Structures are given as C-alpha cells and as structure tokens.
Amino acid sequence: MSLCLIEDGQPVFAMVYDAYRKEFFHAIRFVQEAQGSVTDLNGGAFTWGASGIIAGNEALRAEIQTLLTR
C-alpha cells in the first residue's frame, strides 16, 4: 500500500507499507488519523482477502471508487 499526503494539490509526503511485513495496521491507522477511511472496491470495510483497497478522505475515496467501478 502506498500513501501520499497531498497539500494544495502537491505531494508533500509519501510512504509504502509492505503487507508481507504486517504493516497494513499502521497504514490504515495513519489514514484514519488523517480523517480518511479505508475501504474495499465496493465501499465496504477493507479486510484481508478483499479484492482491492481505496484509502483517502471521503470525497477522494468516493471519486476513486466511482472511477474504478465503472
């Protein structure tokens, strides 16, 4: 999972979490602390085995979900 913090339309910070090193908990917590959410491609709760992951603030997450499920 790659996360990128955007401020004023510009990337200012990025990090990559490795699922094989059990780092997803930290990635999800990071997103939640930034007032975002993490869901599967259908907007449901992200769980192991989900067929996709979308993370971001609600407006961005919803727009990405719409684009991916067209």
N, C-alpha and C. Protein backbone atom coordinates (compact mmCIF):
# COMPACT_ATOMS: atom_id res chain seq x y z
N MET A 1 0.85 -1.15 0.00
CA MET A 1 0.00 0.00 0.00
C MET A 1 0.90 1.23 0.00
N SER A 2 0.68 2.12 -0.92
CA SER A 2 1.42 3.38 -0.98
C SER A 2 0.50 4.51 -0.57
N LEU A 3 0.99 5.37 0.28
CA LEU A 3 0.21 6.53 0.73
C LEU A 3 0.97 7.79 0.36
N CYS A 4 0.22 8.80 -0.06
CA CYS A 4 0.83 10.07 -0.41
C CYS A 4 -0.01 11.19 0.19
N LEU A 5 0.61 12.07 0.95
CA LEU A 5 -0.07 13.23 1.52
C LEU A 5 -0.02 14.36 0.50
N ILE A 6 -1.20 14.90 0.18
CA ILE A 6 -1.32 15.99 -0.79
C ILE A 6 -1.75 17.25 -0.05
N GLU A 7 -1.03 18.34 -0.24
CA GLU A 7 -1.41 19.64 0.29
C GLU A 7 -1.39 20.65 -0.84
N ASP A 8 -2.48 21.38 -0.99
CA ASP A 8 -2.59 22.38 -2.06
C ASP A 8 -2.28 21.79 -3.43
N GLY A 9 -2.71 20.55 -3.66
CA GLY A 9 -2.52 19.90 -4.95
C GLY A 9 -1.13 19.37 -5.21
N GLN A 10 -0.25 19.42 -4.21
CA GLN A 10 1.13 18.95 -4.39
C GLN A 10 1.45 17.83 -3.40
N PRO A 11 2.14 16.79 -3.85
CA PRO A 11 2.56 15.73 -2.91
C PRO A 11 3.64 16.27 -1.97
N VAL A 12 3.46 16.04 -0.66
CA VAL A 12 4.44 16.55 0.30
C VAL A 12 5.06 15.44 1.15
N PHE A 13 4.46 14.25 1.14
CA PHE A 13 4.98 13.16 1.94
C PHE A 13 4.43 11.86 1.38
N ALA A 14 5.27 10.83 1.32
CA ALA A 14 4.81 9.53 0.83
C ALA A 14 5.49 8.41 1.61
N MET A 15 4.79 7.29 1.71
CA MET A 15 5.38 6.10 2.33
C MET A 15 4.75 4.85 1.74
N VAL A 16 5.45 3.76 1.83
CA VAL A 16 4.99 2.47 1.31
C VAL A 16 4.96 1.47 2.46
N TYR A 17 3.84 0.76 2.58
CA TYR A 17 3.70 -0.27 3.60
C TYR A 17 3.70 -1.63 2.92
N ASP A 18 4.35 -2.58 3.51
CA ASP A 18 4.51 -3.92 2.95
C ASP A 18 3.58 -4.89 3.67
N ALA A 19 2.63 -5.44 2.93
CA ALA A 19 1.67 -6.37 3.54
C ALA A 19 2.35 -7.61 4.11
N TYR A 20 3.44 -8.02 3.51
CA TYR A 20 4.12 -9.23 3.98
C TYR A 20 4.85 -9.00 5.29
N ARG A 21 5.04 -7.75 5.65
CA ARG A 21 5.69 -7.46 6.93
C ARG A 21 4.67 -7.02 7.97
N LYS A 22 3.38 -7.31 7.70
CA LYS A 22 2.28 -7.00 8.62
C LYS A 22 2.21 -5.52 8.97
N GLU A 23 2.42 -4.66 7.96
CA GLU A 23 2.40 -3.23 8.19
C GLU A 23 1.07 -2.57 7.84
N PHE A 24 0.08 -3.34 7.36
CA PHE A 24 -1.18 -2.73 6.98
C PHE A 24 -1.89 -2.05 8.14
N PHE A 25 -1.78 -2.60 9.35
CA PHE A 25 -2.40 -1.98 10.51
C PHE A 25 -1.93 -0.53 10.64
N HIS A 26 -0.64 -0.32 10.50
CA HIS A 26 -0.08 1.02 10.64
C HIS A 26 -0.55 1.93 9.51
N ALA A 27 -0.65 1.40 8.29
CA ALA A 27 -1.10 2.20 7.16
C ALA A 27 -2.55 2.63 7.36
N ILE A 28 -3.39 1.71 7.77
CA ILE A 28 -4.81 2.03 7.98
C ILE A 28 -4.95 3.04 9.11
N ARG A 29 -4.20 2.86 10.17
CA ARG A 29 -4.24 3.81 11.30
C ARG A 29 -3.79 5.20 10.86
N PHE A 30 -2.77 5.27 10.03
CA PHE A 30 -2.27 6.54 9.50
C PHE A 30 -3.37 7.26 8.73
N VAL A 31 -4.08 6.54 7.88
CA VAL A 31 -5.16 7.13 7.08
C VAL A 31 -6.28 7.62 8.00
N GLN A 32 -6.65 6.81 8.99
CA GLN A 32 -7.72 7.20 9.90
C GLN A 32 -7.36 8.43 10.72
N GLU A 33 -6.12 8.53 11.16
CA GLU A 33 -5.69 9.69 11.93
C GLU A 33 -5.71 10.97 11.08
N ALA A 34 -5.61 10.81 9.77
CA ALA A 34 -5.67 11.95 8.85
C ALA A 34 -7.12 12.22 8.42
N GLN A 35 -8.09 11.66 9.17
CA GLN A 35 -9.52 11.84 8.92
C GLN A 35 -9.97 11.19 7.62
N GLY A 36 -9.27 10.14 7.19
CA GLY A 36 -9.66 9.40 5.99
C GLY A 36 -10.26 8.06 6.35
N SER A 37 -10.58 7.30 5.34
CA SER A 37 -11.10 5.95 5.56
C SER A 37 -10.47 5.00 4.55
N VAL A 38 -10.56 3.72 4.87
CA VAL A 38 -10.00 2.67 4.03
C VAL A 38 -11.13 1.68 3.76
N THR A 39 -11.41 1.43 2.47
CA THR A 39 -12.48 0.51 2.11
C THR A 39 -12.01 -0.43 1.01
N ASP A 40 -12.86 -1.44 0.73
CA ASP A 40 -12.61 -2.27 -0.44
C ASP A 40 -13.18 -1.55 -1.66
N LEU A 41 -13.13 -2.16 -2.82
CA LEU A 41 -13.58 -1.50 -4.05
C LEU A 41 -15.08 -1.20 -4.06
N ASN A 42 -15.84 -1.92 -3.24
CA ASN A 42 -17.29 -1.71 -3.19
C ASN A 42 -17.71 -0.74 -2.10
N GLY A 43 -16.77 -0.18 -1.37
CA GLY A 43 -17.09 0.76 -0.30
C GLY A 43 -17.29 0.10 1.05
N GLY A 44 -17.14 -1.23 1.11
CA GLY A 44 -17.26 -1.95 2.37
C GLY A 44 -15.96 -1.90 3.15
N ALA A 45 -16.00 -2.41 4.35
CA ALA A 45 -14.80 -2.43 5.19
C ALA A 45 -13.70 -3.24 4.52
N PHE A 46 -12.48 -2.73 4.55
CA PHE A 46 -11.35 -3.47 3.99
C PHE A 46 -10.96 -4.56 4.95
N THR A 47 -10.89 -5.78 4.47
CA THR A 47 -10.46 -6.93 5.26
C THR A 47 -9.48 -7.73 4.43
N TRP A 48 -8.76 -8.61 5.06
CA TRP A 48 -7.85 -9.48 4.32
C TRP A 48 -8.65 -10.29 3.32
N GLY A 49 -8.16 -10.38 2.12
CA GLY A 49 -8.84 -11.10 1.06
C GLY A 49 -9.71 -10.21 0.20
N ALA A 50 -9.87 -8.94 0.56
CA ALA A 50 -10.64 -8.02 -0.26
C ALA A 50 -9.95 -7.87 -1.61
N SER A 51 -10.75 -7.63 -2.64
CA SER A 51 -10.18 -7.55 -3.98
C SER A 51 -9.82 -6.13 -4.38
N GLY A 52 -9.31 -5.38 -3.46
CA GLY A 52 -8.88 -4.01 -3.76
C GLY A 52 -8.93 -3.17 -2.51
N ILE A 53 -8.26 -2.06 -2.54
CA ILE A 53 -8.24 -1.16 -1.40
C ILE A 53 -8.23 0.28 -1.90
N ILE A 54 -9.08 1.10 -1.28
CA ILE A 54 -9.12 2.53 -1.58
C ILE A 54 -8.97 3.26 -0.26
N ALA A 55 -8.06 4.23 -0.21
CA ALA A 55 -7.83 4.99 1.01
C ALA A 55 -7.80 6.47 0.70
N GLY A 56 -8.38 7.27 1.56
CA GLY A 56 -8.35 8.72 1.39
C GLY A 56 -9.47 9.38 2.15
N ASN A 57 -9.56 10.71 2.02
CA ASN A 57 -10.71 11.38 2.64
C ASN A 57 -11.95 10.94 1.89
N GLU A 58 -13.12 11.18 2.46
CA GLU A 58 -14.35 10.60 1.90
C GLU A 58 -14.62 11.05 0.47
N ALA A 59 -14.41 12.33 0.17
CA ALA A 59 -14.67 12.80 -1.20
C ALA A 59 -13.74 12.14 -2.21
N LEU A 60 -12.46 12.07 -1.89
CA LEU A 60 -11.49 11.45 -2.79
C LEU A 60 -11.73 9.95 -2.90
N ARG A 61 -11.98 9.29 -1.78
CA ARG A 61 -12.22 7.86 -1.78
C ARG A 61 -13.45 7.51 -2.62
N ALA A 62 -14.52 8.29 -2.48
CA ALA A 62 -15.74 8.04 -3.25
C ALA A 62 -15.51 8.25 -4.75
N GLU A 63 -14.75 9.27 -5.10
CA GLU A 63 -14.47 9.53 -6.52
C GLU A 63 -13.62 8.40 -7.12
N ILE A 64 -12.62 7.94 -6.39
CA ILE A 64 -11.80 6.84 -6.88
C ILE A 64 -12.65 5.59 -7.03
N GLN A 65 -13.53 5.32 -6.06
CA GLN A 65 -14.41 4.15 -6.13
C GLN A 65 -15.29 4.22 -7.38
N THR A 66 -15.85 5.40 -7.66
CA THR A 66 -16.69 5.57 -8.84
C THR A 66 -15.91 5.28 -10.12
N LEU A 67 -14.70 5.80 -10.21
CA LEU A 67 -13.87 5.58 -11.40
C LEU A 67 -13.51 4.11 -11.57
N LEU A 68 -13.20 3.43 -10.47
CA LEU A 68 -12.76 2.03 -10.55
C LEU A 68 -13.91 1.06 -10.81
N THR A 69 -15.12 1.44 -10.49
CA THR A 69 -16.25 0.50 -10.64
C THR A 69 -17.13 0.83 -11.83
N ARG A 70 -16.67 1.66 -12.71
CA ARG A 70 -17.44 1.98 -13.93
C ARG A 70 -17.49 0.81 -14.84
